[in-house]
């Protein structure tokens, strides 16, 4: 009797089953689906704020080292600044365009 070797990740993927990490139930030793983490939405200030809050909660509960969490929050702060500046720039361009259009349509009174 020969025992087939365990399939590699590539073989497992080809058969349509996930080849990533597995979660094993400690009591039954059954493989459970690993919950996927929701990808952070860093395209809005609200998304950045909620990601900062999640990192803070992880640090408070001990799931994340405070030094690592501080670094991540610093990067998120920089992303928030860029989002703010992008919004200000967009509004400024709009207002300048409106002001230029008003100047072009105003009658010339210097004559």
PDB file of N, CA and C in Angstrom:
ATOM      1  N   UNK A   1       0.852  -1.183   0.000  1.00  0.00           N
ATOM      2  CA  UNK A   1       0.000   0.000   0.000  1.00  0.00           C
ATOM      3  C   UNK A   1       0.888   1.234   0.000  1.00  0.00           C
ATOM      4  N   UNK A   2       0.640   2.146  -0.916  1.00  0.00           N
ATOM      5  CA  UNK A   2       1.410   3.383  -0.989  1.00  0.00           C
ATOM      6  C   UNK A   2       0.530   4.541  -0.558  1.00  0.00           C
ATOM      7  N   UNK A   3       1.154   5.451   0.091  1.00  0.00           N
ATOM      8  CA  UNK A   3       0.433   6.647   0.558  1.00  0.00           C
ATOM      9  C   UNK A   3       0.861   7.809  -0.318  1.00  0.00           C
ATOM     10  N   UNK A   4      -0.118   8.493  -0.879  1.00  0.00           N
ATOM     11  CA  UNK A   4       0.176   9.641  -1.739  1.00  0.00           C
ATOM     12  C   UNK A   4       0.668  10.800  -0.893  1.00  0.00           C
ATOM     13  N   UNK A   5       1.656  11.534  -1.400  1.00  0.00           N
ATOM     14  CA  UNK A   5       2.134  12.688  -0.645  1.00  0.00           C
ATOM     15  C   UNK A   5       1.049  13.766  -0.566  1.00  0.00           C
ATOM     16  N   UNK A   6       1.137  14.572   0.458  1.00  0.00           N
ATOM     17  CA  UNK A   6       0.173  15.666   0.629  1.00  0.00           C
ATOM     18  C   UNK A   6       0.299  16.640  -0.534  1.00  0.00           C
ATOM     19  N   UNK A   7      -0.827  17.157  -1.023  1.00  0.00           N
ATOM     20  CA  UNK A   7      -0.761  18.082  -2.157  1.00  0.00           C
ATOM     21  C   UNK A   7      -0.085  19.395  -1.762  1.00  0.00           C
ATOM     22  N   UNK A   8       0.647  19.943  -2.699  1.00  0.00           N
ATOM     23  CA  UNK A   8       1.270  21.245  -2.462  1.00  0.00           C
ATOM     24  C   UNK A   8       0.217  22.327  -2.601  1.00  0.00           C
ATOM     25  N   UNK A   9       0.579  23.566  -2.245  1.00  0.00           N
ATOM     26  CA  UNK A   9      -0.365  24.679  -2.371  1.00  0.00           C
ATOM     27  C   UNK A   9      -0.833  24.850  -3.802  1.00  0.00           C
ATOM     28  N   UNK A  10       0.084  24.683  -4.773  1.00  0.00           N
ATOM     29  CA  UNK A  10      -0.281  24.847  -6.176  1.00  0.00           C
ATOM     30  C   UNK A  10      -1.288  23.789  -6.590  1.00  0.00           C
ATOM     31  N   UNK A  11      -1.094  22.530  -6.148  1.00  0.00           N
ATOM     32  CA  UNK A  11      -2.019  21.460  -6.474  1.00  0.00           C
ATOM     33  C   UNK A  11      -3.362  21.686  -5.796  1.00  0.00           C
ATOM     34  N   UNK A  12      -3.327  22.123  -4.581  1.00  0.00           N
ATOM     35  CA  UNK A  12      -4.562  22.385  -3.859  1.00  0.00           C
ATOM     36  C   UNK A  12      -5.354  23.486  -4.544  1.00  0.00           C
ATOM     37  N   UNK A  13      -4.664  24.556  -4.960  1.00  0.00           N
ATOM     38  CA  UNK A  13      -5.333  25.652  -5.644  1.00  0.00           C
ATOM     39  C   UNK A  13      -5.945  25.194  -6.953  1.00  0.00           C
ATOM     40  N   UNK A  14      -5.242  24.302  -7.672  1.00  0.00           N
ATOM     41  CA  UNK A  14      -5.738  23.828  -8.958  1.00  0.00           C
ATOM     42  C   UNK A  14      -7.036  23.042  -8.788  1.00  0.00           C
ATOM     43  N   UNK A  15      -7.221  22.412  -7.638  1.00  0.00           N
ATOM     44  CA  UNK A  15      -8.438  21.647  -7.402  1.00  0.00           C
ATOM     45  C   UNK A  15      -9.584  22.518  -6.904  1.00  0.00           C
ATOM     46  N   UNK A  16      -9.306  23.797  -6.720  1.00  0.00           N
ATOM     47  CA  UNK A  16     -10.374  24.706  -6.342  1.00  0.00           C
ATOM     48  C   UNK A  16     -10.546  24.918  -4.858  1.00  0.00           C
ATOM     49  N   UNK A  17      -9.666  24.376  -4.054  1.00  0.00           N
ATOM     50  CA  UNK A  17      -9.766  24.615  -2.623  1.00  0.00           C
ATOM     51  C   UNK A  17      -8.671  25.587  -2.214  1.00  0.00           C
ATOM     52  N   UNK A  18      -8.921  26.389  -1.206  1.00  0.00           N
ATOM     53  CA  UNK A  18      -7.923  27.398  -0.829  1.00  0.00           C
ATOM     54  C   UNK A  18      -6.625  26.766  -0.351  1.00  0.00           C
ATOM     55  N   UNK A  19      -5.510  27.368  -0.744  1.00  0.00           N
ATOM     56  CA  UNK A  19      -4.213  26.866  -0.337  1.00  0.00           C
ATOM     57  C   UNK A  19      -3.585  27.706   0.748  1.00  0.00           C
ATOM     58  N   UNK A  20      -4.327  28.644   1.286  1.00  0.00           N
ATOM     59  CA  UNK A  20      -3.796  29.559   2.290  1.00  0.00           C
ATOM     60  C   UNK A  20      -3.814  28.954   3.679  1.00  0.00           C
ATOM     61  N   UNK A  21      -3.639  29.795   4.691  1.00  0.00           N
ATOM     62  CA  UNK A  21      -3.606  29.304   6.071  1.00  0.00           C
ATOM     63  C   UNK A  21      -4.954  28.723   6.484  1.00  0.00           C
ATOM     64  N   UNK A  22      -4.915  27.773   7.396  1.00  0.00           N
ATOM     65  CA  UNK A  22      -6.127  27.131   7.882  1.00  0.00           C
ATOM     66  C   UNK A  22      -6.272  27.387   9.376  1.00  0.00           C
ATOM     67  N   UNK A  23      -7.512  27.422   9.828  1.00  0.00           N
ATOM     68  CA  UNK A  23      -7.816  27.530  11.246  1.00  0.00           C
ATOM     69  C   UNK A  23      -8.290  26.170  11.711  1.00  0.00           C
ATOM     70  N   UNK A  24      -7.702  25.666  12.807  1.00  0.00           N
ATOM     71  CA  UNK A  24      -8.052  24.345  13.305  1.00  0.00           C
ATOM     72  C   UNK A  24      -8.743  24.488  14.649  1.00  0.00           C
ATOM     73  N   UNK A  25      -9.916  23.852  14.753  1.00  0.00           N
ATOM     74  CA  UNK A  25     -10.667  23.851  16.006  1.00  0.00           C
ATOM     75  C   UNK A  25      -9.871  23.036  17.026  1.00  0.00           C
ATOM     76  N   UNK A  26      -9.566  23.624  18.167  1.00  0.00           N
ATOM     77  CA  UNK A  26      -8.740  22.985  19.181  1.00  0.00           C
ATOM     78  C   UNK A  26      -9.378  21.770  19.822  1.00  0.00           C
ATOM     79  N   UNK A  27     -10.707  21.699  19.875  1.00  0.00           N
ATOM     80  CA  UNK A  27     -11.372  20.556  20.520  1.00  0.00           C
ATOM     81  C   UNK A  27     -11.557  19.390  19.555  1.00  0.00           C
ATOM     82  N   UNK A  28     -12.006  19.697  18.335  1.00  0.00           N
ATOM     83  CA  UNK A  28     -12.323  18.616  17.395  1.00  0.00           C
ATOM     84  C   UNK A  28     -11.205  18.364  16.386  1.00  0.00           C
ATOM     85  N   UNK A  29     -10.237  19.265  16.297  1.00  0.00           N
ATOM     86  CA  UNK A  29      -9.148  19.209  15.329  1.00  0.00           C
ATOM     87  C   UNK A  29      -9.639  19.225  13.886  1.00  0.00           C
ATOM     88  N   UNK A  30     -10.819  19.790  13.680  1.00  0.00           N
ATOM     89  CA  UNK A  30     -11.358  19.951  12.324  1.00  0.00           C
ATOM     90  C   UNK A  30     -10.861  21.266  11.749  1.00  0.00           C
ATOM     91  N   UNK A  31     -10.633  21.274  10.440  1.00  0.00           N
ATOM     92  CA  UNK A  31     -10.201  22.488   9.751  1.00  0.00           C
ATOM     93  C   UNK A  31     -11.426  23.366   9.533  1.00  0.00           C
ATOM     94  N   UNK A  32     -11.338  24.603  10.016  1.00  0.00           N
ATOM     95  CA  UNK A  32     -12.422  25.575   9.858  1.00  0.00           C
ATOM     96  C   UNK A  32     -12.011  26.601   8.820  1.00  0.00           C
ATOM     97  N   UNK A  33     -12.977  27.209   8.140  1.00  0.00           N
ATOM     98  CA  UNK A  33     -12.610  28.276   7.199  1.00  0.00           C
ATOM     99  C   UNK A  33     -11.987  29.440   7.960  1.00  0.00           C
ATOM    100  N   UNK A  34     -10.868  29.927   7.459  1.00  0.00           N
ATOM    101  CA  UNK A  34     -10.204  31.059   8.089  1.00  0.00           C
ATOM    102  C   UNK A  34     -10.957  32.330   7.720  1.00  0.00           C
ATOM    103  N   UNK A  35     -11.410  33.083   8.710  1.00  0.00           N
ATOM    104  CA  UNK A  35     -12.139  34.316   8.376  1.00  0.00           C
ATOM    105  C   UNK A  35     -11.209  35.299   7.685  1.00  0.00           C
ATOM    106  N   UNK A  36     -11.709  35.875   6.610  1.00  0.00           N
ATOM    107  CA  UNK A  36     -10.893  36.869   5.910  1.00  0.00           C
ATOM    108  C   UNK A  36     -11.126  38.224   6.545  1.00  0.00           C
ATOM    109  N   UNK A  37     -10.061  38.983   6.658  1.00  0.00           N
ATOM    110  CA  UNK A  37     -10.146  40.311   7.251  1.00  0.00           C
ATOM    111  C   UNK A  37     -10.605  41.292   6.196  1.00  0.00           C
ATOM    112  N   UNK A  38     -11.544  42.126   6.564  1.00  0.00           N
ATOM    113  CA  UNK A  38     -12.041  43.141   5.651  1.00  0.00           C
ATOM    114  C   UNK A  38     -10.912  44.103   5.330  1.00  0.00           C
ATOM    115  N   UNK A  39     -10.734  44.390   4.061  1.00  0.00           N
ATOM    116  CA  UNK A  39      -9.681  45.308   3.643  1.00  0.00           C
ATOM    117  C   UNK A  39     -10.078  46.730   4.051  1.00  0.00           C
ATOM    118  N   UNK A  40      -9.132  47.434   4.629  1.00  0.00           N
ATOM    119  CA  UNK A  40      -9.406  48.802   5.085  1.00  0.00           C
ATOM    120  C   UNK A  40      -9.716  49.709   3.904  1.00  0.00           C
ATOM    121  N   UNK A  41     -10.706  50.566   4.063  1.00  0.00           N
ATOM    122  CA  UNK A  41     -11.077  51.538   3.039  1.00  0.00           C
ATOM    123  C   UNK A  41     -10.377  52.851   3.348  1.00  0.00           C
ATOM    124  N   UNK A  42      -9.230  53.063   2.738  1.00  0.00           N
ATOM    125  CA  UNK A  42      -8.419  54.240   3.042  1.00  0.00           C
ATOM    126  C   UNK A  42      -8.614  55.349   2.027  1.00  0.00           C
ATOM    127  N   UNK A  43      -9.764  55.380   1.369  1.00  0.00           N
ATOM    128  CA  UNK A  43     -10.045  56.416   0.375  1.00  0.00           C
ATOM    129  C   UNK A  43     -10.888  57.549   0.941  1.00  0.00           C
ATOM    130  N   UNK A  44     -11.231  57.466   2.221  1.00  0.00           N
ATOM    131  CA  UNK A  44     -11.993  58.540   2.856  1.00  0.00           C
ATOM    132  C   UNK A  44     -11.460  58.741   4.275  1.00  0.00           C
ATOM    133  N   UNK A  45     -11.708  59.923   4.811  1.00  0.00           N
ATOM    134  CA  UNK A  45     -11.272  60.194   6.184  1.00  0.00           C
ATOM    135  C   UNK A  45     -11.983  59.280   7.176  1.00  0.00           C
ATOM    136  N   UNK A  46     -13.230  58.940   6.907  1.00  0.00           N
ATOM    137  CA  UNK A  46     -13.966  58.036   7.795  1.00  0.00           C
ATOM    138  C   UNK A  46     -13.321  56.653   7.793  1.00  0.00           C
ATOM    139  N   UNK A  47     -12.891  56.183   6.641  1.00  0.00           N
ATOM    140  CA  UNK A  47     -12.217  54.893   6.559  1.00  0.00           C
ATOM    141  C   UNK A  47     -10.894  54.892   7.312  1.00  0.00           C
ATOM    142  N   UNK A  48     -10.132  55.982   7.177  1.00  0.00           N
ATOM    143  CA  UNK A  48      -8.853  56.104   7.892  1.00  0.00           C
ATOM    144  C   UNK A  48      -9.109  56.160   9.392  1.00  0.00           C
ATOM    145  N   UNK A  49     -10.133  56.894   9.797  1.00  0.00           N
ATOM    146  CA  UNK A  49     -10.471  56.997  11.222  1.00  0.00           C
ATOM    147  C   UNK A  49     -10.838  55.637  11.798  1.00  0.00           C
ATOM    148  N   UNK A  50     -11.654  54.872  11.066  1.00  0.00           N
ATOM    149  CA  UNK A  50     -12.060  53.570  11.599  1.00  0.00           C
ATOM    150  C   UNK A  50     -10.880  52.603  11.658  1.00  0.00           C
ATOM    151  N   UNK A  51      -9.934  52.694  10.715  1.00  0.00           N
ATOM    152  CA  UNK A  51      -8.739  51.846  10.763  1.00  0.00           C
ATOM    153  C   UNK A  51      -7.860  52.226  11.954  1.00  0.00           C
ATOM    154  N   UNK A  52      -7.740  53.520  12.225  1.00  0.00           N
ATOM    155  CA  UNK A  52      -6.988  53.963  13.410  1.00  0.00           C
ATOM    156  C   UNK A  52      -7.633  53.425  14.683  1.00  0.00           C
ATOM    157  N   UNK A  53      -8.956  53.469  14.741  1.00  0.00           N
ATOM    158  CA  UNK A  53      -9.671  52.980  15.924  1.00  0.00           C
ATOM    159  C   UNK A  53      -9.469  51.477  16.088  1.00  0.00           C
ATOM    160  N   UNK A  54      -9.463  50.729  14.984  1.00  0.00           N
ATOM    161  CA  UNK A  54      -9.248  49.285  15.051  1.00  0.00           C
ATOM    162  C   UNK A  54      -7.852  48.972  15.587  1.00  0.00           C
ATOM    163  N   UNK A  55      -6.853  49.721  15.112  1.00  0.00           N
ATOM    164  CA  UNK A  55      -5.483  49.517  15.582  1.00  0.00           C
ATOM    165  C   UNK A  55      -5.380  49.855  17.068  1.00  0.00           C
ATOM    166  N   UNK A  56      -6.034  50.927  17.487  1.00  0.00           N
ATOM    167  CA  UNK A  56      -6.032  51.304  18.902  1.00  0.00           C
ATOM    168  C   UNK A  56      -6.631  50.183  19.758  1.00  0.00           C
ATOM    169  N   UNK A  57      -7.763  49.644  19.309  1.00  0.00           N
ATOM    170  CA  UNK A  57      -8.398  48.550  20.062  1.00  0.00           C
ATOM    171  C   UNK A  57      -7.478  47.332  20.129  1.00  0.00           C
ATOM    172  N   UNK A  58      -6.777  47.048  19.014  1.00  0.00           N
ATOM    173  CA  UNK A  58      -5.819  45.932  19.013  1.00  0.00           C
ATOM    174  C   UNK A  58      -4.702  46.170  20.030  1.00  0.00           C
ATOM    175  N   UNK A  59      -4.212  47.405  20.129  1.00  0.00           N
ATOM    176  CA  UNK A  59      -3.152  47.705  21.091  1.00  0.00           C
ATOM    177  C   UNK A  59      -3.680  47.585  22.520  1.00  0.00           C
ATOM    178  N   UNK A  60      -4.879  48.087  22.767  1.00  0.00           N
ATOM    179  CA  UNK A  60      -5.463  48.023  24.105  1.00  0.00           C
ATOM    180  C   UNK A  60      -5.686  46.589  24.562  1.00  0.00           C
ATOM    181  N   UNK A  61      -6.073  45.720  23.625  1.00  0.00           N
ATOM    182  CA  UNK A  61      -6.355  44.330  23.989  1.00  0.00           C
ATOM    183  C   UNK A  61      -5.097  43.467  24.015  1.00  0.00           C
ATOM    184  N   UNK A  62      -3.960  44.029  23.587  1.00  0.00           N
ATOM    185  CA  UNK A  62      -2.720  43.277  23.594  1.00  0.00           C
ATOM    186  C   UNK A  62      -2.483  42.453  22.339  1.00  0.00           C
ATOM    187  N   UNK A  63      -3.358  42.575  21.335  1.00  0.00           N
ATOM    188  CA  UNK A  63      -3.183  41.832  20.089  1.00  0.00           C
ATOM    189  C   UNK A  63      -2.065  42.421  19.226  1.00  0.00           C
ATOM    190  N   UNK A  64      -1.714  43.668  19.492  1.00  0.00           N
ATOM    191  CA  UNK A  64      -0.705  44.351  18.681  1.00  0.00           C
ATOM    192  C   UNK A  64       0.233  45.111  19.611  1.00  0.00           C
ATOM    193  N   UNK A  65       1.530  45.047  19.317  1.00  0.00           N
ATOM    194  CA  UNK A  65       2.532  45.798  20.084  1.00  0.00           C
ATOM    195  C   UNK A  65       2.271  47.292  19.903  1.00  0.00           C
ATOM    196  N   UNK A  66       2.480  48.063  20.940  1.00  0.00           N
ATOM    197  CA  UNK A  66       2.207  49.500  20.850  1.00  0.00           C
ATOM    198  C   UNK A  66       3.167  50.188  19.880  1.00  0.00           C
ATOM    199  N   UNK A  67       4.401  49.720  19.786  1.00  0.00           N
ATOM    200  CA  UNK A  67       5.349  50.338  18.846  1.00  0.00           C
ATOM    201  C   UNK A  67       4.887  50.127  17.401  1.00  0.00           C
ATOM    202  N   UNK A  68       4.443  48.922  17.074  1.00  0.00           N
ATOM    203  CA  UNK A  68       3.945  48.640  15.727  1.00  0.00           C
ATOM    204  C   UNK A  68       2.674  49.444  15.459  1.00  0.00           C
ATOM    205  N   UNK A  69       1.777  49.479  16.440  1.00  0.00           N
ATOM    206  CA  UNK A  69       0.541  50.235  16.285  1.00  0.00           C
ATOM    207  C   UNK A  69       0.797  51.717  16.089  1.00  0.00           C
ATOM    208  N   UNK A  70       1.775  52.256  16.822  1.00  0.00           N
ATOM    209  CA  UNK A  70       2.109  53.675  16.678  1.00  0.00           C
ATOM    210  C   UNK A  70       2.612  53.976  15.268  1.00  0.00           C
ATOM    211  N   UNK A  71       3.427  53.070  14.732  1.00  0.00           N
ATOM    212  CA  UNK A  71       3.924  53.261  13.362  1.00  0.00           C
ATOM    213  C   UNK A  71       2.781  53.245  12.354  1.00  0.00           C
ATOM    214  N   UNK A  72       1.866  52.298  12.525  1.00  0.00           N
ATOM    215  CA  UNK A  72       0.733  52.210  11.601  1.00  0.00           C
ATOM    216  C   UNK A  72      -0.154  53.451  11.690  1.00  0.00           C
ATOM    217  N   UNK A  73      -0.406  53.915  12.898  1.00  0.00           N
ATOM    218  CA  UNK A  73      -1.232  55.114  13.067  1.00  0.00           C
ATOM    219  C   UNK A  73      -0.541  56.331  12.455  1.00  0.00           C
ATOM    220  N   UNK A  74       0.786  56.405  12.560  1.00  0.00           N
ATOM    221  CA  UNK A  74       1.521  57.507  11.933  1.00  0.00           C
ATOM    222  C   UNK A  74       1.304  57.495  10.413  1.00  0.00           C
ATOM    223  N   UNK A  75       1.412  56.321   9.803  1.00  0.00           N
ATOM    224  CA  UNK A  75       1.199  56.217   8.355  1.00  0.00           C
ATOM    225  C   UNK A  75      -0.236  56.604   8.011  1.00  0.00           C
ATOM    226  N   UNK A  76      -1.193  56.147   8.813  1.00  0.00           N
ATOM    227  CA  UNK A  76      -2.592  56.514   8.573  1.00  0.00           C
ATOM    228  C   UNK A  76      -2.812  58.018   8.707  1.00  0.00           C
ATOM    229  N   UNK A  77      -2.096  58.660   9.625  1.00  0.00           N
ATOM    230  CA  UNK A  77      -2.183  60.115   9.776  1.00  0.00           C
ATOM    231  C   UNK A  77      -1.690  60.807   8.506  1.00  0.00           C
ATOM    232  N   UNK A  78      -0.616  60.295   7.924  1.00  0.00           N
ATOM    233  CA  UNK A  78      -0.103  60.871   6.676  1.00  0.00           C
ATOM    234  C   UNK A  78      -1.109  60.686   5.541  1.00  0.00           C
ATOM    235  N   UNK A  79      -1.750  59.528   5.487  1.00  0.00           N
ATOM    236  CA  UNK A  79      -2.777  59.293   4.465  1.00  0.00           C
ATOM    237  C   UNK A  79      -3.935  60.262   4.656  1.00  0.00           C
ATOM    238  N   UNK A  80      -4.333  60.495   5.899  1.00  0.00           N
ATOM    239  CA  UNK A  80      -5.424  61.436   6.185  1.00  0.00           C
ATOM    240  C   UNK A  80      -5.059  62.843   5.720  1.00  0.00           C
ATOM    241  N   UNK A  81      -3.812  63.256   5.944  1.00  0.00           N
ATOM    242  CA  UNK A  81      -3.375  64.585   5.497  1.00  0.00           C
ATOM    243  C   UNK A  81      -3.455  64.706   3.986  1.00  0.00           C
ATOM    244  N   UNK A  82      -3.021  63.662   3.282  1.00  0.00           N
ATOM    245  CA  UNK A  82      -3.080  63.688   1.823  1.00  0.00           C
ATOM    246  C   UNK A  82      -4.530  63.762   1.350  1.00  0.00           C
ATOM    247  N   UNK A  83      -5.427  63.017   1.991  1.00  0.00           N
ATOM    248  CA  UNK A  83      -6.840  63.085   1.628  1.00  0.00           C
ATOM    249  C   UNK A  83      -7.396  64.495   1.837  1.00  0.00           C
ATOM    250  N   UNK A  84      -7.040  65.121   2.959  1.00  0.00           N
ATOM    251  CA  UNK A  84      -7.503  66.487   3.234  1.00  0.00           C
ATOM    252  C   UNK A  84      -6.983  67.457   2.185  1.00  0.00           C
ATOM    253  N   UNK A  85      -5.686  67.379   1.890  1.00  0.00           N
ATOM    254  CA  UNK A  85      -5.089  68.298   0.920  1.00  0.00           C
ATOM    255  C   UNK A  85      -5.647  68.080  -0.483  1.00  0.00           C
ATOM    256  N   UNK A  86      -5.923  66.844  -0.830  1.00  0.00           N
ATOM    257  CA  UNK A  86      -6.515  66.564  -2.139  1.00  0.00           C
ATOM    258  C   UNK A  86      -7.896  67.193  -2.247  1.00  0.00           C
ATOM    259  N   UNK A  87      -8.678  67.098  -1.187  1.00  0.00           N
ATOM    260  CA  UNK A  87     -10.013  67.700  -1.187  1.00  0.00           C
ATOM    261  C   UNK A  87      -9.924  69.228  -1.260  1.00  0.00           C
ATOM    262  N   UNK A  88      -9.006  69.816  -0.517  1.00  0.00           N
ATOM    263  CA  UNK A  88      -8.829  71.278  -0.564  1.00  0.00           C
ATOM    264  C   UNK A  88      -8.410  71.709  -1.963  1.00  0.00           C
ATOM    265  N   UNK A  89      -7.478  70.979  -2.562  1.00  0.00           N
ATOM    266  CA  UNK A  89      -7.021  71.302  -3.917  1.00  0.00           C
ATOM    267  C   UNK A  89      -8.176  71.205  -4.913  1.00  0.00           C
ATOM    268  N   UNK A  90      -8.986  70.165  -4.802  1.00  0.00           N
ATOM    269  CA  UNK A  90     -10.127  69.997  -5.708  1.00  0.00           C
ATOM    270  C   UNK A  90     -11.102  71.173  -5.592  1.00  0.00           C
ATOM    271  N   UNK A  91     -11.372  71.586  -4.358  1.00  0.00           N
ATOM    272  CA  UNK A  91     -12.289  72.714  -4.146  1.00  0.00           C
ATOM    273  C   UNK A  91     -11.694  74.019  -4.644  1.00  0.00           C
ATOM    274  N   UNK A  92     -10.396  74.215  -4.448  1.00  0.00           N
ATOM    275  CA  UNK A  92      -9.729  75.435  -4.909  1.00  0.00           C
ATOM    276  C   UNK A  92      -9.780  75.534  -6.428  1.00  0.00           C
ATOM    277  N   UNK A  93      -9.508  74.432  -7.105  1.00  0.00           N
ATOM    278  CA  UNK A  93      -9.564  74.424  -8.571  1.00  0.00           C
ATOM    279  C   UNK A  93     -10.969  74.775  -9.044  1.00  0.00           C
ATOM    280  N   UNK A  94     -11.972  74.232  -8.379  1.00  0.00           N
ATOM    281  CA  UNK A  94     -13.357  74.532  -8.736  1.00  0.00           C
ATOM    282  C   UNK A  94     -13.656  76.021  -8.564  1.00  0.00           C
ATOM    283  N   UNK A  95     -13.257  76.578  -7.408  1.00  0.00           N
ATOM    284  CA  UNK A  95     -13.530  77.993  -7.144  1.00  0.00           C
ATOM    285  C   UNK A  95     -12.769  78.904  -8.103  1.00  0.00           C
ATOM    286  N   UNK A  96     -11.529  78.570  -8.403  1.00  0.00           N
ATOM    287  CA  UNK A  96     -10.756  79.379  -9.360  1.00  0.00           C
ATOM    288  C   UNK A  96     -11.396  79.333 -10.740  1.00  0.00           C
ATOM    289  N   UNK A  97     -11.863  78.170 -11.142  1.00  0.00           N
ATOM    290  CA  UNK A  97     -12.545  78.060 -12.431  1.00  0.00           C
ATOM    291  C   UNK A  97     -13.805  78.895 -12.472  1.00  0.00           C
ATOM    292  N   UNK A  98     -14.539  78.903 -11.376  1.00  0.00           N
ATOM    293  CA  UNK A  98     -15.760  79.704 -11.289  1.00  0.00           C
ATOM    294  C   UNK A  98     -15.433  81.205 -11.343  1.00  0.00           C
ATOM    295  N   UNK A  99     -14.381  81.616 -10.626  1.00  0.00           N
ATOM    296  CA  UNK A  99     -13.984  83.028 -10.609  1.00  0.00           C
ATOM    297  C   UNK A  99     -13.503  83.467 -11.990  1.00  0.00           C
ATOM    298  N   UNK A 100     -12.731  82.635 -12.676  1.00  0.00           N
ATOM    299  CA  UNK A 100     -12.253  82.971 -14.019  1.00  0.00           C
ATOM    300  C   UNK A 100     -13.404  83.073 -15.004  1.00  0.00           C
ATOM    301  N   UNK A 101     -14.389  82.212 -14.890  1.00  0.00           N
ATOM    302  CA  UNK A 101     -15.553  82.264 -15.773  1.00  0.00           C
ATOM    303  C   UNK A 101     -16.351  83.532 -15.522  1.00  0.00           C
ATOM    304  N   UNK A 102     -16.450  83.961 -14.278  1.00  0.00           N
ATOM    305  CA  UNK A 102     -17.184  85.191 -13.953  1.00  0.00           C
ATOM    306  C   UNK A 102     -16.460  86.406 -14.503  1.00  0.00           C
ATOM    307  N   UNK A 103     -15.132  86.409 -14.456  1.00  0.00           N
ATOM    308  CA  UNK A 103     -14.355  87.527 -15.005  1.00  0.00           C
ATOM    309  C   UNK A 103     -14.502  87.601 -16.510  1.00  0.00           C
ATOM    310  N   UNK A 104     -14.513  86.488 -17.191  1.00  0.00           N
ATOM    311  CA  UNK A 104     -14.630  86.471 -18.646  1.00  0.00           C
ATOM    312  C   UNK A 104     -16.004  86.921 -19.108  1.00  0.00           C
ATOM    313  N   UNK A 105     -17.042  86.633 -18.348  1.00  0.00           N
ATOM    314  CA  UNK A 105     -18.395  86.991 -18.760  1.00  0.00           C
ATOM    315  C   UNK A 105     -18.791  88.403 -18.321  1.00  0.00           C
ATOM    316  N   UNK A 106     -18.012  89.040 -17.455  1.00  0.00           N
ATOM    317  CA  UNK A 106     -18.327  90.413 -17.009  1.00  0.00           C
ATOM    318  C   UNK A 106     -17.978  91.404 -18.109  1.00  0.00           C
ATOM    319  N   UNK A 107     -18.828  92.433 -18.318  1.00  0.00           N
ATOM    320  CA  UNK A 107     -18.537  93.430 -19.349  1.00  0.00           C
ATOM    321  C   UNK A 107     -17.310  94.257 -18.957  1.00  0.00           C
ATOM    322  N   UNK A 108     -16.544  94.686 -19.941  1.00  0.00           N
ATOM    323  CA  UNK A 108     -15.344  95.481 -19.734  1.00  0.00           C
ATOM    324  C   UNK A 108     -15.758  96.934 -19.505  1.00  0.00           C
ATOM    325  N   UNK A 109     -15.568  97.497 -18.326  1.00  0.00           N
ATOM    326  CA  UNK A 109     -15.995  98.861 -17.977  1.00  0.00           C
ATOM    327  C   UNK A 109     -14.850  99.861 -18.030  1.00  0.00           C
ATOM    328  N   UNK A 110     -13.702  99.454 -18.491  1.00  0.00           N
ATOM    329  CA  UNK A 110     -12.565 100.386 -18.517  1.00  0.00           C
ATOM    330  C   UNK A 110     -12.638 101.330 -19.705  1.00  0.00           C
ATOM    331  N   UNK A 111     -13.534 101.126 -20.648  1.00  0.00           N
ATOM    332  CA  UNK A 111     -13.604 101.986 -21.821  1.00  0.00           C
ATOM    333  C   UNK A 111     -14.343 103.244 -21.603  1.00  0.00           C
TER     334      UNK A 111
END
